[in-house]
Amino acid sequence: MPYIKPKKQYEKTRKLLNSYEIGQTQLMAILGCSRPTARNRIENPGNITGDEWLTISRRAHIPVEEIRLVFLS
């Protein structure tokens, strides 16, 4: 049986944040949080709450429909 590399959890959310060039420092400014918190959110996008996604959508100008597609597909 060939080895199949498992997909990372929340890979689509990471790609979404990277496509809009939202890194650790940008996320700090958007959410108004500390550097360790922003690093945690970038490394584990599953920890981002619904309210934080709404804030990211508004301040980074990401359409809500695009965020919904990431979670629904």
N, C-alpha and C. Protein backbone atom coordinates (compact mmCIF):
# COMPACT_ATOMS: atom_id res chain seq x y z
N MET A 1 0.84 -1.17 0.00
CA MET A 1 0.00 0.00 0.00
C MET A 1 0.89 1.25 0.00
N PRO A 2 0.70 2.14 -0.93
CA PRO A 2 1.53 3.35 -0.96
C PRO A 2 1.15 4.30 0.19
N TYR A 3 2.13 5.07 0.59
CA TYR A 3 1.91 6.04 1.66
C TYR A 3 1.16 7.24 1.11
N ILE A 4 0.11 7.61 1.76
CA ILE A 4 -0.66 8.79 1.39
C ILE A 4 -0.51 9.81 2.50
N LYS A 5 0.04 10.94 2.14
CA LYS A 5 0.25 11.98 3.13
C LYS A 5 -1.10 12.55 3.56
N PRO A 6 -1.39 12.56 4.86
CA PRO A 6 -2.69 13.07 5.31
C PRO A 6 -2.77 14.58 5.12
N LYS A 7 -3.96 15.04 4.82
CA LYS A 7 -4.18 16.48 4.67
C LYS A 7 -4.23 17.13 6.04
N LYS A 8 -3.69 18.32 6.10
CA LYS A 8 -3.72 19.05 7.36
C LYS A 8 -5.13 19.56 7.61
N GLN A 9 -5.48 19.56 8.86
CA GLN A 9 -6.78 20.09 9.23
C GLN A 9 -6.75 21.60 9.05
N TYR A 10 -7.80 22.19 8.58
CA TYR A 10 -7.94 23.63 8.36
C TYR A 10 -7.00 24.14 7.27
N GLU A 11 -6.67 23.29 6.32
CA GLU A 11 -5.78 23.71 5.23
C GLU A 11 -6.43 24.81 4.38
N LYS A 12 -7.73 24.71 4.16
CA LYS A 12 -8.42 25.70 3.34
C LYS A 12 -8.45 27.07 4.01
N THR A 13 -8.61 27.10 5.33
CA THR A 13 -8.61 28.40 6.01
C THR A 13 -7.23 29.03 5.99
N ARG A 14 -6.19 28.21 6.10
CA ARG A 14 -4.82 28.74 5.99
C ARG A 14 -4.59 29.34 4.61
N LYS A 15 -5.07 28.64 3.57
CA LYS A 15 -4.90 29.14 2.21
C LYS A 15 -5.67 30.45 2.00
N LEU A 16 -6.84 30.55 2.62
CA LEU A 16 -7.62 31.78 2.50
C LEU A 16 -6.87 32.95 3.13
N LEU A 17 -6.35 32.75 4.33
CA LEU A 17 -5.60 33.82 5.00
C LEU A 17 -4.35 34.17 4.21
N ASN A 18 -3.65 33.17 3.67
CA ASN A 18 -2.45 33.43 2.88
C ASN A 18 -2.76 34.13 1.57
N SER A 19 -3.90 33.82 0.97
CA SER A 19 -4.25 34.45 -0.31
C SER A 19 -4.50 35.95 -0.15
N TYR A 20 -4.94 36.35 1.03
CA TYR A 20 -5.14 37.78 1.30
C TYR A 20 -3.95 38.38 2.04
N GLU A 21 -2.84 37.62 2.07
CA GLU A 21 -1.58 38.05 2.68
C GLU A 21 -1.78 38.50 4.13
N ILE A 22 -2.53 37.70 4.87
CA ILE A 22 -2.74 37.97 6.29
C ILE A 22 -1.80 37.07 7.07
N GLY A 23 -0.77 37.68 7.59
CA GLY A 23 0.20 36.97 8.41
C GLY A 23 -0.02 37.31 9.87
N GLN A 24 0.98 37.01 10.65
CA GLN A 24 0.88 37.21 12.09
C GLN A 24 0.73 38.69 12.45
N THR A 25 1.55 39.55 11.87
CA THR A 25 1.49 40.97 12.22
C THR A 25 0.20 41.61 11.70
N GLN A 26 -0.26 41.19 10.51
CA GLN A 26 -1.51 41.74 9.99
C GLN A 26 -2.68 41.30 10.84
N LEU A 27 -2.67 40.05 11.29
CA LEU A 27 -3.75 39.55 12.12
C LEU A 27 -3.77 40.25 13.47
N MET A 28 -2.59 40.58 13.98
CA MET A 28 -2.51 41.35 15.24
C MET A 28 -3.23 42.68 15.09
N ALA A 29 -2.98 43.36 13.98
CA ALA A 29 -3.59 44.67 13.75
C ALA A 29 -5.09 44.55 13.51
N ILE A 30 -5.50 43.51 12.79
CA ILE A 30 -6.92 43.34 12.47
C ILE A 30 -7.73 43.02 13.72
N LEU A 31 -7.24 42.07 14.52
CA LEU A 31 -7.99 41.62 15.70
C LEU A 31 -7.69 42.44 16.95
N GLY A 32 -6.58 43.17 16.95
CA GLY A 32 -6.20 43.92 18.13
C GLY A 32 -5.79 43.00 19.26
N CYS A 33 -5.02 41.96 18.94
CA CYS A 33 -4.62 40.98 19.94
C CYS A 33 -3.09 40.99 20.06
N SER A 34 -2.59 40.18 20.97
CA SER A 34 -1.15 40.10 21.19
C SER A 34 -0.50 39.20 20.15
N ARG A 35 0.82 39.26 20.09
CA ARG A 35 1.58 38.45 19.13
C ARG A 35 1.40 36.96 19.35
N PRO A 36 1.47 36.44 20.61
CA PRO A 36 1.25 35.01 20.80
C PRO A 36 -0.15 34.54 20.39
N THR A 37 -1.14 35.37 20.63
CA THR A 37 -2.51 35.02 20.25
C THR A 37 -2.64 34.96 18.73
N ALA A 38 -2.06 35.94 18.05
CA ALA A 38 -2.12 35.95 16.58
C ALA A 38 -1.38 34.76 16.01
N ARG A 39 -0.23 34.41 16.59
CA ARG A 39 0.53 33.25 16.12
C ARG A 39 -0.29 31.97 16.31
N ASN A 40 -0.98 31.87 17.45
CA ASN A 40 -1.83 30.71 17.71
C ASN A 40 -2.96 30.62 16.70
N ARG A 41 -3.56 31.75 16.36
CA ARG A 41 -4.66 31.75 15.40
C ARG A 41 -4.18 31.38 14.00
N ILE A 42 -2.97 31.82 13.63
CA ILE A 42 -2.43 31.49 12.31
C ILE A 42 -2.08 30.01 12.24
N GLU A 43 -1.47 29.47 13.29
CA GLU A 43 -1.07 28.07 13.30
C GLU A 43 -2.28 27.13 13.41
N ASN A 44 -3.30 27.54 14.14
CA ASN A 44 -4.51 26.73 14.35
C ASN A 44 -5.75 27.55 14.03
N PRO A 45 -6.11 27.68 12.75
CA PRO A 45 -7.26 28.50 12.39
C PRO A 45 -8.58 28.01 12.99
N GLY A 46 -8.60 26.80 13.52
CA GLY A 46 -9.80 26.30 14.17
C GLY A 46 -10.10 27.04 15.46
N ASN A 47 -9.11 27.75 15.99
CA ASN A 47 -9.30 28.53 17.22
C ASN A 47 -9.89 29.91 16.96
N ILE A 48 -10.02 30.29 15.71
CA ILE A 48 -10.61 31.60 15.38
C ILE A 48 -12.11 31.51 15.58
N THR A 49 -12.66 32.40 16.40
CA THR A 49 -14.09 32.37 16.69
C THR A 49 -14.89 33.01 15.56
N GLY A 50 -16.18 32.85 15.62
CA GLY A 50 -17.06 33.44 14.61
C GLY A 50 -16.99 34.95 14.58
N ASP A 51 -16.93 35.56 15.76
CA ASP A 51 -16.81 37.02 15.83
C ASP A 51 -15.49 37.49 15.23
N GLU A 52 -14.43 36.73 15.46
CA GLU A 52 -13.13 37.10 14.89
C GLU A 52 -13.15 36.97 13.37
N TRP A 53 -13.83 35.95 12.85
CA TRP A 53 -13.95 35.83 11.39
C TRP A 53 -14.72 37.02 10.82
N LEU A 54 -15.73 37.48 11.53
CA LEU A 54 -16.49 38.64 11.07
C LEU A 54 -15.61 39.88 11.07
N THR A 55 -14.79 40.04 12.09
CA THR A 55 -13.86 41.17 12.15
C THR A 55 -12.84 41.09 11.03
N ILE A 56 -12.31 39.90 10.79
CA ILE A 56 -11.36 39.71 9.69
C ILE A 56 -12.01 40.06 8.37
N SER A 57 -13.25 39.63 8.20
CA SER A 57 -13.98 39.91 6.96
C SER A 57 -14.13 41.42 6.74
N ARG A 58 -14.49 42.12 7.78
CA ARG A 58 -14.73 43.56 7.65
C ARG A 58 -13.45 44.36 7.47
N ARG A 59 -12.45 44.07 8.26
CA ARG A 59 -11.23 44.89 8.23
C ARG A 59 -10.27 44.50 7.12
N ALA A 60 -10.27 43.23 6.71
CA ALA A 60 -9.37 42.79 5.64
C ALA A 60 -10.09 42.75 4.29
N HIS A 61 -11.35 43.12 4.28
CA HIS A 61 -12.16 43.17 3.06
C HIS A 61 -12.23 41.82 2.35
N ILE A 62 -12.49 40.78 3.14
CA ILE A 62 -12.70 39.44 2.58
C ILE A 62 -14.22 39.22 2.54
N PRO A 63 -14.77 38.90 1.39
CA PRO A 63 -16.21 38.67 1.31
C PRO A 63 -16.65 37.52 2.23
N VAL A 64 -17.76 37.70 2.91
CA VAL A 64 -18.28 36.68 3.81
C VAL A 64 -18.60 35.41 3.05
N GLU A 65 -19.05 35.55 1.80
CA GLU A 65 -19.37 34.39 0.99
C GLU A 65 -18.13 33.51 0.77
N GLU A 66 -16.97 34.14 0.62
CA GLU A 66 -15.74 33.38 0.42
C GLU A 66 -15.36 32.60 1.69
N ILE A 67 -15.59 33.22 2.84
CA ILE A 67 -15.32 32.53 4.11
C ILE A 67 -16.29 31.37 4.28
N ARG A 68 -17.54 31.58 3.92
CA ARG A 68 -18.53 30.50 4.02
C ARG A 68 -18.18 29.33 3.12
N LEU A 69 -17.69 29.61 1.93
CA LEU A 69 -17.31 28.54 1.01
C LEU A 69 -16.19 27.67 1.59
N VAL A 70 -15.29 28.29 2.31
CA VAL A 70 -14.18 27.54 2.92
C VAL A 70 -14.73 26.53 3.92
N PHE A 71 -15.72 26.95 4.70
CA PHE A 71 -16.26 26.06 5.73
C PHE A 71 -17.27 25.07 5.19
N LEU A 72 -17.95 25.40 4.12
CA LEU A 72 -18.99 24.51 3.61
C LEU A 72 -18.48 23.49 2.60
N SER A 73 -17.31 23.74 2.04
CA SER A 73 -16.80 22.78 1.04
C SER A 73 -15.77 21.86 1.64
